[in-house]
């Protein structure tokens, strides 16, 4: 019988604690004859990545991320372009990558899919986006990079200590709306200059971010390309009208919105901190490349 060692990265606070009790159930579902399951010790994002890297270096058969897009993002840094299976168990506030790659919504059902894929030796090649900053640091993401108004809101919310919970994000939106203005972007798509001035830019390997907002509804994580959305300057009222359409993906019909596709994207704008998979990447001065089949998804 083939023996598999599975390293599990779990975020006990994912989904604002709603799924905490599911972790033990997922571990039991992953365990079984011929399978050894090890829960990785991780008390921060950095320690989570280190634990995943160590597990891959030790030769585990698979790394399984139990949580939301942030947990997936941490695990991707270790499994990208490595000969190791990758399992995704959606149990977070935002599960956009899991939805994009067709994992079941139910965590235990998703664990069952991972087990079946391991047992049959099956995996699905999934693209990832590779981001490189001017210092040469590489980060991988599976869903969407935000580099416009949404990124400014994220950065402000993360710098605020009060209020706690969702109200902090709501306040950050109001504060950023008060200083809303177009930004100059240097944008290059497969060597073609597409620089512009606008309010929104998103680069996606997958269709949605923020827990189901379909910012790039046509993005496909198996097509070898990144979708790039840019939005021309508009005012506060237009932004308010556009926001409800994001969840349905119908905003792309607005004449101020343009979507491109490219393998390689060069993106820069002063004063913006980029976020990908909901995680902070750093200043928006990045080379972005779609790497086809960079992860072996257990599905």
C-alpha atoms as a PDB file:
ATOM      1  CA  UNK A   1       0.000   0.000   0.000  1.00  0.00           C
ATOM      2  CA  UNK A   2       1.263   3.465  -0.885  1.00  0.00           C
ATOM      3  CA  UNK A   3       1.905   5.622   2.167  1.00  0.00           C
ATOM      4  CA  UNK A   4       1.123   9.325   2.177  1.00  0.00           C
ATOM      5  CA  UNK A   5       2.226  11.974   4.642  1.00  0.00           C
ATOM      6  CA  UNK A   6      -0.102  14.975   4.706  1.00  0.00           C
ATOM      7  CA  UNK A   7       0.923  18.279   6.287  1.00  0.00           C
ATOM      8  CA  UNK A   8      -2.083  20.387   7.295  1.00  0.00           C
ATOM      9  CA  UNK A   9      -1.953  24.152   7.709  1.00  0.00           C
ATOM     10  CA  UNK A  10      -5.059  25.273   9.597  1.00  0.00           C
ATOM     11  CA  UNK A  11      -6.150  28.725  10.687  1.00  0.00           C
ATOM     12  CA  UNK A  12      -8.291  28.320  13.846  1.00  0.00           C
ATOM     13  CA  UNK A  13      -9.579  31.902  13.510  1.00  0.00           C
ATOM     14  CA  UNK A  14     -10.645  31.538   9.849  1.00  0.00           C
ATOM     15  CA  UNK A  15     -14.230  32.522   9.185  1.00  0.00           C
ATOM     16  CA  UNK A  16     -14.045  34.670  12.357  1.00  0.00           C
ATOM     17  CA  UNK A  17     -13.956  31.468  14.382  1.00  0.00           C
ATOM     18  CA  UNK A  18     -17.060  29.880  12.877  1.00  0.00           C
ATOM     19  CA  UNK A  19     -15.130  26.851  11.604  1.00  0.00           C
ATOM     20  CA  UNK A  20     -12.820  26.280  14.563  1.00  0.00           C
ATOM     21  CA  UNK A  21     -14.477  22.988  15.507  1.00  0.00           C
ATOM     22  CA  UNK A  22     -14.206  21.713  11.952  1.00  0.00           C
ATOM     23  CA  UNK A  23     -10.430  21.364  12.034  1.00  0.00           C
ATOM     24  CA  UNK A  24     -10.540  18.173  14.094  1.00  0.00           C
ATOM     25  CA  UNK A  25     -13.204  16.762  11.778  1.00  0.00           C
ATOM     26  CA  UNK A  26     -11.113  17.580   8.709  1.00  0.00           C
ATOM     27  CA  UNK A  27      -8.062  15.935  10.282  1.00  0.00           C
ATOM     28  CA  UNK A  28     -10.074  12.771  10.956  1.00  0.00           C
ATOM     29  CA  UNK A  29     -11.368  12.745   7.377  1.00  0.00           C
ATOM     30  CA  UNK A  30      -7.849  13.125   5.969  1.00  0.00           C
ATOM     31  CA  UNK A  31      -6.474  10.378   8.222  1.00  0.00           C
ATOM     32  CA  UNK A  32      -6.854   6.732   7.314  1.00  0.00           C
ATOM     33  CA  UNK A  33      -5.037   3.573   6.201  1.00  0.00           C
ATOM     34  CA  UNK A  34      -1.815   4.476   4.461  1.00  0.00           C
ATOM     35  CA  UNK A  35      -2.099   8.162   5.375  1.00  0.00           C
ATOM     36  CA  UNK A  36      -0.266  10.032   8.132  1.00  0.00           C
ATOM     37  CA  UNK A  37      -1.598  13.482   8.989  1.00  0.00           C
ATOM     38  CA  UNK A  38       0.484  16.143  10.703  1.00  0.00           C
ATOM     39  CA  UNK A  39      -0.907  19.486  11.861  1.00  0.00           C
ATOM     40  CA  UNK A  40       1.646  22.230  11.311  1.00  0.00           C
ATOM     41  CA  UNK A  41       2.470  24.560  14.171  1.00  0.00           C
ATOM     42  CA  UNK A  42       1.896  28.155  13.088  1.00  0.00           C
ATOM     43  CA  UNK A  43       1.224  31.220  15.250  1.00  0.00           C
ATOM     44  CA  UNK A  44       1.724  33.893  12.580  1.00  0.00           C
ATOM     45  CA  UNK A  45       1.764  34.285   8.827  1.00  0.00           C
ATOM     46  CA  UNK A  46       5.552  34.035   8.750  1.00  0.00           C
ATOM     47  CA  UNK A  47       5.621  30.901  10.897  1.00  0.00           C
ATOM     48  CA  UNK A  48       2.893  29.356   8.730  1.00  0.00           C
ATOM     49  CA  UNK A  49       5.021  29.831   5.627  1.00  0.00           C
ATOM     50  CA  UNK A  50       8.122  28.502   7.370  1.00  0.00           C
ATOM     51  CA  UNK A  51       6.247  25.413   8.515  1.00  0.00           C
ATOM     52  CA  UNK A  52       4.972  24.743   4.996  1.00  0.00           C
ATOM     53  CA  UNK A  53       8.434  25.190   3.495  1.00  0.00           C
ATOM     54  CA  UNK A  54       9.890  22.799   6.068  1.00  0.00           C
ATOM     55  CA  UNK A  55       7.200  20.208   5.349  1.00  0.00           C
ATOM     56  CA  UNK A  56       7.825  20.361   1.594  1.00  0.00           C
ATOM     57  CA  UNK A  57      11.598  20.111   2.145  1.00  0.00           C
ATOM     58  CA  UNK A  58      11.013  17.044   4.343  1.00  0.00           C
ATOM     59  CA  UNK A  59       9.258  15.314   1.462  1.00  0.00           C
ATOM     60  CA  UNK A  60       5.581  15.280   2.431  1.00  0.00           C
ATOM     61  CA  UNK A  61       3.165  13.951  -0.178  1.00  0.00           C
ATOM     62  CA  UNK A  62       0.769  16.846   0.209  1.00  0.00           C
ATOM     63  CA  UNK A  63       0.193  20.167   1.918  1.00  0.00           C
ATOM     64  CA  UNK A  64      -3.445  20.921   2.761  1.00  0.00           C
ATOM     65  CA  UNK A  65      -4.617  24.444   3.639  1.00  0.00           C
ATOM     66  CA  UNK A  66      -7.667  24.620   5.912  1.00  0.00           C
ATOM     67  CA  UNK A  67      -8.975  28.179   6.057  1.00  0.00           C
ATOM     68  CA  UNK A  68      -9.613  31.091   3.738  1.00  0.00           C
ATOM     69  CA  UNK A  69      -7.625  32.803   1.022  1.00  0.00           C
ATOM     70  CA  UNK A  70      -5.042  34.075   3.503  1.00  0.00           C
ATOM     71  CA  UNK A  71      -4.225  30.535   4.649  1.00  0.00           C
ATOM     72  CA  UNK A  72      -4.089  29.348   1.038  1.00  0.00           C
ATOM     73  CA  UNK A  73      -1.761  32.247   0.202  1.00  0.00           C
ATOM     74  CA  UNK A  74       0.692  31.225   2.920  1.00  0.00           C
ATOM     75  CA  UNK A  75       0.758  27.617   1.757  1.00  0.00           C
ATOM     76  CA  UNK A  76       1.183  28.588  -1.900  1.00  0.00           C
ATOM     77  CA  UNK A  77       4.551  30.162  -1.121  1.00  0.00           C
ATOM     78  CA  UNK A  78       5.865  26.673  -0.315  1.00  0.00           C
ATOM     79  CA  UNK A  79       4.073  24.464  -2.856  1.00  0.00           C
ATOM     80  CA  UNK A  80       4.406  26.628  -5.993  1.00  0.00           C
ATOM     81  CA  UNK A  81       6.378  24.784  -8.689  1.00  0.00           C
ATOM     82  CA  UNK A  82       7.145  21.941  -6.275  1.00  0.00           C
ATOM     83  CA  UNK A  83       6.421  18.215  -6.860  1.00  0.00           C
ATOM     84  CA  UNK A  84       3.907  18.033  -4.022  1.00  0.00           C
ATOM     85  CA  UNK A  85       0.130  17.782  -3.956  1.00  0.00           C
ATOM     86  CA  UNK A  86      -1.877  20.744  -2.703  1.00  0.00           C
ATOM     87  CA  UNK A  87      -5.262  20.461  -1.033  1.00  0.00           C
ATOM     88  CA  UNK A  88      -7.670  23.314  -0.326  1.00  0.00           C
ATOM     89  CA  UNK A  89     -10.337  23.047   2.391  1.00  0.00           C
ATOM     90  CA  UNK A  90     -12.504  26.207   2.319  1.00  0.00           C
ATOM     91  CA  UNK A  91     -13.128  27.353   5.884  1.00  0.00           C
ATOM     92  CA  UNK A  92     -12.568  31.098   5.850  1.00  0.00           C
ATOM     93  CA  UNK A  93     -14.365  34.402   5.502  1.00  0.00           C
ATOM     94  CA  UNK A  94     -13.266  34.536   1.863  1.00  0.00           C
ATOM     95  CA  UNK A  95     -12.775  31.316  -0.096  1.00  0.00           C
ATOM     96  CA  UNK A  96     -12.283  32.761  -3.564  1.00  0.00           C
ATOM     97  CA  UNK A  97      -9.440  30.506  -4.680  1.00  0.00           C
ATOM     98  CA  UNK A  98     -11.262  27.381  -3.521  1.00  0.00           C
ATOM     99  CA  UNK A  99     -14.357  28.447  -5.458  1.00  0.00           C
ATOM    100  CA  UNK A 100     -12.314  29.205  -8.571  1.00  0.00           C
ATOM    101  CA  UNK A 101     -10.743  25.750  -8.663  1.00  0.00           C
ATOM    102  CA  UNK A 102     -14.011  23.934  -8.050  1.00  0.00           C
ATOM    103  CA  UNK A 103     -13.644  22.694  -4.480  1.00  0.00           C
ATOM    104  CA  UNK A 104     -16.871  21.880  -2.602  1.00  0.00           C
ATOM    105  CA  UNK A 105     -18.120  24.563  -0.203  1.00  0.00           C
ATOM    106  CA  UNK A 106     -18.433  22.036   2.617  1.00  0.00           C
ATOM    107  CA  UNK A 107     -15.045  21.528   4.339  1.00  0.00           C
ATOM    108  CA  UNK A 108     -15.590  17.831   5.046  1.00  0.00           C
ATOM    109  CA  UNK A 109     -16.676  17.205   1.461  1.00  0.00           C
ATOM    110  CA  UNK A 110     -13.567  19.051   0.262  1.00  0.00           C
ATOM    111  CA  UNK A 111     -11.425  16.864   2.535  1.00  0.00           C
ATOM    112  CA  UNK A 112     -13.037  13.843   0.902  1.00  0.00           C
ATOM    113  CA  UNK A 113     -12.069  15.143  -2.544  1.00  0.00           C
ATOM    114  CA  UNK A 114      -8.459  15.533  -1.381  1.00  0.00           C
ATOM    115  CA  UNK A 115      -8.400  11.959  -0.031  1.00  0.00           C
ATOM    116  CA  UNK A 116      -9.858  10.541  -3.248  1.00  0.00           C
ATOM    117  CA  UNK A 117      -7.338  12.456  -5.370  1.00  0.00           C
ATOM    118  CA  UNK A 118      -4.442  11.152  -3.282  1.00  0.00           C
ATOM    119  CA  UNK A 119      -5.720   7.581  -3.405  1.00  0.00           C
ATOM    120  CA  UNK A 120      -6.091   7.639  -7.187  1.00  0.00           C
ATOM    121  CA  UNK A 121      -2.860   9.536  -7.826  1.00  0.00           C
ATOM    122  CA  UNK A 122      -4.838  12.330  -9.466  1.00  0.00           C
ATOM    123  CA  UNK A 123      -4.079  16.042  -9.511  1.00  0.00           C
ATOM    124  CA  UNK A 124      -5.206  19.034 -11.578  1.00  0.00           C
ATOM    125  CA  UNK A 125      -2.587  21.524 -12.816  1.00  0.00           C
ATOM    126  CA  UNK A 126      -3.614  25.039 -11.724  1.00  0.00           C
ATOM    127  CA  UNK A 127      -1.957  28.303 -12.758  1.00  0.00           C
ATOM    128  CA  UNK A 128      -0.519  30.745 -10.242  1.00  0.00           C
ATOM    129  CA  UNK A 129       0.547  34.361 -10.535  1.00  0.00           C
ATOM    130  CA  UNK A 130       4.183  35.113  -9.724  1.00  0.00           C
ATOM    131  CA  UNK A 131       4.890  38.586  -8.366  1.00  0.00           C
ATOM    132  CA  UNK A 132       8.438  39.954  -8.200  1.00  0.00           C
ATOM    133  CA  UNK A 133       9.318  43.261  -6.550  1.00  0.00           C
ATOM    134  CA  UNK A 134      12.328  45.475  -7.464  1.00  0.00           C
ATOM    135  CA  UNK A 135      14.410  43.703  -4.816  1.00  0.00           C
ATOM    136  CA  UNK A 136      13.826  40.332  -6.468  1.00  0.00           C
ATOM    137  CA  UNK A 137      11.527  38.955  -3.767  1.00  0.00           C
ATOM    138  CA  UNK A 138       9.018  36.468  -5.189  1.00  0.00           C
ATOM    139  CA  UNK A 139       5.452  36.072  -3.961  1.00  0.00           C
ATOM    140  CA  UNK A 140       2.788  33.792  -5.408  1.00  0.00           C
ATOM    141  CA  UNK A 141      -0.960  34.343  -5.461  1.00  0.00           C
ATOM    142  CA  UNK A 142      -3.887  32.303  -6.670  1.00  0.00           C
ATOM    143  CA  UNK A 143      -6.802  34.735  -6.748  1.00  0.00           C
ATOM    144  CA  UNK A 144      -6.605  38.508  -7.341  1.00  0.00           C
ATOM    145  CA  UNK A 145      -4.130  41.333  -6.798  1.00  0.00           C
ATOM    146  CA  UNK A 146      -5.785  44.635  -5.881  1.00  0.00           C
ATOM    147  CA  UNK A 147      -3.943  47.839  -6.688  1.00  0.00           C
ATOM    148  CA  UNK A 148      -6.518  50.621  -6.693  1.00  0.00           C
ATOM    149  CA  UNK A 149      -9.136  52.105  -4.385  1.00  0.00           C
ATOM    150  CA  UNK A 150      -9.736  48.676  -2.815  1.00  0.00           C
ATOM    151  CA  UNK A 151      -6.039  48.333  -1.932  1.00  0.00           C
ATOM    152  CA  UNK A 152      -6.025  51.810  -0.377  1.00  0.00           C
ATOM    153  CA  UNK A 153      -8.999  50.823   1.785  1.00  0.00           C
ATOM    154  CA  UNK A 154      -7.288  47.602   2.884  1.00  0.00           C
ATOM    155  CA  UNK A 155      -4.117  49.415   3.834  1.00  0.00           C
ATOM    156  CA  UNK A 156      -5.956  52.085   5.807  1.00  0.00           C
ATOM    157  CA  UNK A 157      -8.092  49.493   7.638  1.00  0.00           C
ATOM    158  CA  UNK A 158      -5.007  47.498   8.588  1.00  0.00           C
ATOM    159  CA  UNK A 159      -3.333  50.597  10.029  1.00  0.00           C
ATOM    160  CA  UNK A 160      -6.362  51.484  12.182  1.00  0.00           C
ATOM    161  CA  UNK A 161      -6.698  50.173  15.713  1.00  0.00           C
ATOM    162  CA  UNK A 162     -10.336  51.132  16.138  1.00  0.00           C
ATOM    163  CA  UNK A 163     -13.111  50.281  15.694  1.00  0.00           C
ATOM    164  CA  UNK A 164     -12.780  46.511  15.756  1.00  0.00           C
ATOM    165  CA  UNK A 165     -14.458  44.112  13.369  1.00  0.00           C
ATOM    166  CA  UNK A 166     -16.224  44.953  10.096  1.00  0.00           C
ATOM    167  CA  UNK A 167     -16.917  48.545  11.219  1.00  0.00           C
ATOM    168  CA  UNK A 168     -13.227  49.339  10.848  1.00  0.00           C
ATOM    169  CA  UNK A 169     -13.373  48.430   7.160  1.00  0.00           C
ATOM    170  CA  UNK A 170     -16.539  50.490   6.692  1.00  0.00           C
ATOM    171  CA  UNK A 171     -14.842  53.503   8.276  1.00  0.00           C
ATOM    172  CA  UNK A 172     -11.769  52.988   6.086  1.00  0.00           C
ATOM    173  CA  UNK A 173     -13.998  53.128   3.006  1.00  0.00           C
ATOM    174  CA  UNK A 174     -15.502  56.444   4.131  1.00  0.00           C
ATOM    175  CA  UNK A 175     -12.086  57.932   4.861  1.00  0.00           C
ATOM    176  CA  UNK A 176     -10.680  56.884   1.490  1.00  0.00           C
ATOM    177  CA  UNK A 177     -13.776  58.129  -0.335  1.00  0.00           C
ATOM    178  CA  UNK A 178     -13.129  61.572   1.164  1.00  0.00           C
ATOM    179  CA  UNK A 179      -9.740  61.659  -0.589  1.00  0.00           C
ATOM    180  CA  UNK A 180     -10.769  59.833  -3.749  1.00  0.00           C
ATOM    181  CA  UNK A 181      -8.733  60.913  -6.777  1.00  0.00           C
ATOM    182  CA  UNK A 182      -7.382  59.352  -9.971  1.00  0.00           C
ATOM    183  CA  UNK A 183      -3.971  57.699  -9.805  1.00  0.00           C
ATOM    184  CA  UNK A 184      -1.331  57.472 -12.503  1.00  0.00           C
ATOM    185  CA  UNK A 185      -0.406  53.876 -13.374  1.00  0.00           C
ATOM    186  CA  UNK A 186       2.471  52.578 -15.425  1.00  0.00           C
ATOM    187  CA  UNK A 187       1.123  49.412 -17.020  1.00  0.00           C
ATOM    188  CA  UNK A 188       2.788  47.118 -19.530  1.00  0.00           C
ATOM    189  CA  UNK A 189       1.044  44.028 -20.930  1.00  0.00           C
ATOM    190  CA  UNK A 190       3.241  41.532 -22.786  1.00  0.00           C
ATOM    191  CA  UNK A 191       5.557  44.398 -23.733  1.00  0.00           C
ATOM    192  CA  UNK A 192       2.812  46.805 -24.842  1.00  0.00           C
ATOM    193  CA  UNK A 193       2.446  50.091 -22.944  1.00  0.00           C
ATOM    194  CA  UNK A 194      -1.066  50.455 -21.510  1.00  0.00           C
ATOM    195  CA  UNK A 195      -0.336  53.146 -18.924  1.00  0.00           C
ATOM    196  CA  UNK A 196      -3.410  55.008 -17.725  1.00  0.00           C
ATOM    197  CA  UNK A 197      -4.938  57.244 -15.094  1.00  0.00           C
ATOM    198  CA  UNK A 198      -7.775  55.753 -13.097  1.00  0.00           C
ATOM    199  CA  UNK A 199      -9.344  54.505  -9.887  1.00  0.00           C
ATOM    200  CA  UNK A 200      -9.216  50.718  -9.997  1.00  0.00           C
ATOM    201  CA  UNK A 201      -6.782  48.095 -11.194  1.00  0.00           C
ATOM    202  CA  UNK A 202      -6.951  44.378 -10.521  1.00  0.00           C
ATOM    203  CA  UNK A 203      -4.813  41.535 -11.809  1.00  0.00           C
ATOM    204  CA  UNK A 204      -6.413  38.125 -11.487  1.00  0.00           C
ATOM    205  CA  UNK A 205      -5.540  34.486 -11.873  1.00  0.00           C
ATOM    206  CA  UNK A 206      -9.102  33.798 -10.679  1.00  0.00           C
ATOM    207  CA  UNK A 207     -12.416  35.612 -10.953  1.00  0.00           C
ATOM    208  CA  UNK A 208     -13.216  36.904  -7.468  1.00  0.00           C
ATOM    209  CA  UNK A 209     -11.859  38.451  -4.306  1.00  0.00           C
ATOM    210  CA  UNK A 210     -13.247  39.726  -1.018  1.00  0.00           C
ATOM    211  CA  UNK A 211     -15.502  36.718  -0.510  1.00  0.00           C
ATOM    212  CA  UNK A 212     -17.256  36.505  -3.858  1.00  0.00           C
ATOM    213  CA  UNK A 213     -16.887  39.887  -5.560  1.00  0.00           C
ATOM    214  CA  UNK A 214     -16.415  38.900  -9.216  1.00  0.00           C
ATOM    215  CA  UNK A 215     -13.992  41.655 -10.128  1.00  0.00           C
ATOM    216  CA  UNK A 216     -12.668  39.627 -13.105  1.00  0.00           C
ATOM    217  CA  UNK A 217     -15.570  37.366 -14.071  1.00  0.00           C
ATOM    218  CA  UNK A 218     -13.813  35.889 -17.099  1.00  0.00           C
ATOM    219  CA  UNK A 219     -10.586  34.891 -15.323  1.00  0.00           C
ATOM    220  CA  UNK A 220      -9.689  31.205 -15.600  1.00  0.00           C
ATOM    221  CA  UNK A 221      -6.928  29.685 -13.403  1.00  0.00           C
ATOM    222  CA  UNK A 222      -6.128  27.111 -16.111  1.00  0.00           C
ATOM    223  CA  UNK A 223      -5.788  29.295 -19.240  1.00  0.00           C
ATOM    224  CA  UNK A 224      -2.169  30.419 -18.794  1.00  0.00           C
ATOM    225  CA  UNK A 225      -3.134  34.108 -18.706  1.00  0.00           C
ATOM    226  CA  UNK A 226      -3.799  36.864 -16.192  1.00  0.00           C
ATOM    227  CA  UNK A 227      -6.894  39.039 -16.501  1.00  0.00           C
ATOM    228  CA  UNK A 228      -6.244  42.744 -15.924  1.00  0.00           C
ATOM    229  CA  UNK A 229      -9.049  45.190 -15.132  1.00  0.00           C
ATOM    230  CA  UNK A 230      -8.577  48.940 -15.273  1.00  0.00           C
ATOM    231  CA  UNK A 231     -11.165  51.633 -14.577  1.00  0.00           C
ATOM    232  CA  UNK A 232     -11.048  55.200 -15.855  1.00  0.00           C
ATOM    233  CA  UNK A 233     -11.525  58.132 -13.452  1.00  0.00           C
ATOM    234  CA  UNK A 234     -14.991  58.484 -11.916  1.00  0.00           C
ATOM    235  CA  UNK A 235     -16.566  60.188  -8.919  1.00  0.00           C
ATOM    236  CA  UNK A 236     -17.893  58.961  -5.585  1.00  0.00           C
ATOM    237  CA  UNK A 237     -21.458  58.506  -6.841  1.00  0.00           C
ATOM    238  CA  UNK A 238     -20.296  56.415  -9.800  1.00  0.00           C
ATOM    239  CA  UNK A 239     -18.147  54.286  -7.502  1.00  0.00           C
ATOM    240  CA  UNK A 240     -21.117  53.689  -5.207  1.00  0.00           C
ATOM    241  CA  UNK A 241     -23.228  52.580  -8.192  1.00  0.00           C
ATOM    242  CA  UNK A 242     -20.471  50.320  -9.470  1.00  0.00           C
ATOM    243  CA  UNK A 243     -19.873  48.463  -6.203  1.00  0.00           C
ATOM    244  CA  UNK A 244     -23.102  46.360  -6.146  1.00  0.00           C
ATOM    245  CA  UNK A 245     -22.339  45.173  -9.677  1.00  0.00           C
ATOM    246  CA  UNK A 246     -18.994  43.718  -8.576  1.00  0.00           C
ATOM    247  CA  UNK A 247     -20.645  40.737  -6.896  1.00  0.00           C
ATOM    248  CA  UNK A 248     -22.487  39.855 -10.097  1.00  0.00           C
ATOM    249  CA  UNK A 249     -19.565  40.661 -12.378  1.00  0.00           C
ATOM    250  CA  UNK A 250     -21.690  42.971 -14.536  1.00  0.00           C
ATOM    251  CA  UNK A 251     -19.451  46.012 -13.931  1.00  0.00           C
ATOM    252  CA  UNK A 252     -17.282  44.937 -16.876  1.00  0.00           C
ATOM    253  CA  UNK A 253     -19.982  46.251 -19.248  1.00  0.00           C
ATOM    254  CA  UNK A 254     -19.463  49.794 -17.932  1.00  0.00           C
ATOM    255  CA  UNK A 255     -17.716  51.887 -20.615  1.00  0.00           C
ATOM    256  CA  UNK A 256     -15.224  53.165 -18.029  1.00  0.00           C
ATOM    257  CA  UNK A 257     -14.046  49.600 -17.324  1.00  0.00           C
ATOM    258  CA  UNK A 258     -11.631  47.703 -19.587  1.00  0.00           C
ATOM    259  CA  UNK A 259     -10.371  44.137 -19.206  1.00  0.00           C
ATOM    260  CA  UNK A 260      -7.204  42.826 -20.863  1.00  0.00           C
ATOM    261  CA  UNK A 261      -5.466  39.447 -20.843  1.00  0.00           C
ATOM    262  CA  UNK A 262      -1.708  38.914 -20.763  1.00  0.00           C
ATOM    263  CA  UNK A 263       0.956  36.437 -19.691  1.00  0.00           C
ATOM    264  CA  UNK A 264       3.270  39.127 -18.318  1.00  0.00           C
ATOM    265  CA  UNK A 265       2.169  42.306 -16.541  1.00  0.00           C
ATOM    266  CA  UNK A 266       4.338  45.178 -15.330  1.00  0.00           C
ATOM    267  CA  UNK A 267       2.456  47.439 -12.924  1.00  0.00           C
ATOM    268  CA  UNK A 268       3.553  50.484 -10.951  1.00  0.00           C
ATOM    269  CA  UNK A 269       1.901  53.377  -9.103  1.00  0.00           C
ATOM    270  CA  UNK A 270       3.228  55.696  -6.417  1.00  0.00           C
ATOM    271  CA  UNK A 271       1.678  55.594  -2.971  1.00  0.00           C
ATOM    272  CA  UNK A 272      -0.253  52.328  -3.315  1.00  0.00           C
ATOM    273  CA  UNK A 273       0.332  49.160  -1.323  1.00  0.00           C
ATOM    274  CA  UNK A 274      -0.740  46.091  -3.296  1.00  0.00           C
ATOM    275  CA  UNK A 275      -2.775  43.261  -1.772  1.00  0.00           C
ATOM    276  CA  UNK A 276      -3.116  39.755  -3.216  1.00  0.00           C
ATOM    277  CA  UNK A 277      -5.367  36.988  -1.882  1.00  0.00           C
ATOM    278  CA  UNK A 278      -6.236  39.617   0.737  1.00  0.00           C
ATOM    279  CA  UNK A 279      -2.634  39.665   1.979  1.00  0.00           C
ATOM    280  CA  UNK A 280      -0.294  42.653   1.964  1.00  0.00           C
ATOM    281  CA  UNK A 281       2.395  42.404  -0.745  1.00  0.00           C
ATOM    282  CA  UNK A 282       4.019  45.835  -0.488  1.00  0.00           C
ATOM    283  CA  UNK A 283       4.471  48.876  -2.771  1.00  0.00           C
ATOM    284  CA  UNK A 284       2.861  48.567  -6.188  1.00  0.00           C
ATOM    285  CA  UNK A 285       5.994  48.164  -8.292  1.00  0.00           C
ATOM    286  CA  UNK A 286       5.715  44.600  -9.508  1.00  0.00           C
ATOM    287  CA  UNK A 287       6.459  42.239 -12.344  1.00  0.00           C
ATOM    288  CA  UNK A 288       3.588  39.751 -12.589  1.00  0.00           C
ATOM    289  CA  UNK A 289       3.691  36.556 -14.624  1.00  0.00           C
ATOM    290  CA  UNK A 290       1.197  33.748 -15.042  1.00  0.00           C
ATOM    291  CA  UNK A 291       2.942  30.427 -14.450  1.00  0.00           C
ATOM    292  CA  UNK A 292       0.835  27.644 -16.020  1.00  0.00           C
ATOM    293  CA  UNK A 293       0.275  24.549 -13.889  1.00  0.00           C
ATOM    294  CA  UNK A 294       2.403  25.905 -11.047  1.00  0.00           C
ATOM    295  CA  UNK A 295       0.489  23.952  -8.400  1.00  0.00           C
ATOM    296  CA  UNK A 296      -0.716  20.329  -8.308  1.00  0.00           C
ATOM    297  CA  UNK A 297      -4.240  20.670  -6.962  1.00  0.00           C
ATOM    298  CA  UNK A 298      -5.662  17.567  -5.292  1.00  0.00           C
ATOM    299  CA  UNK A 299      -9.058  17.518  -6.939  1.00  0.00           C
END
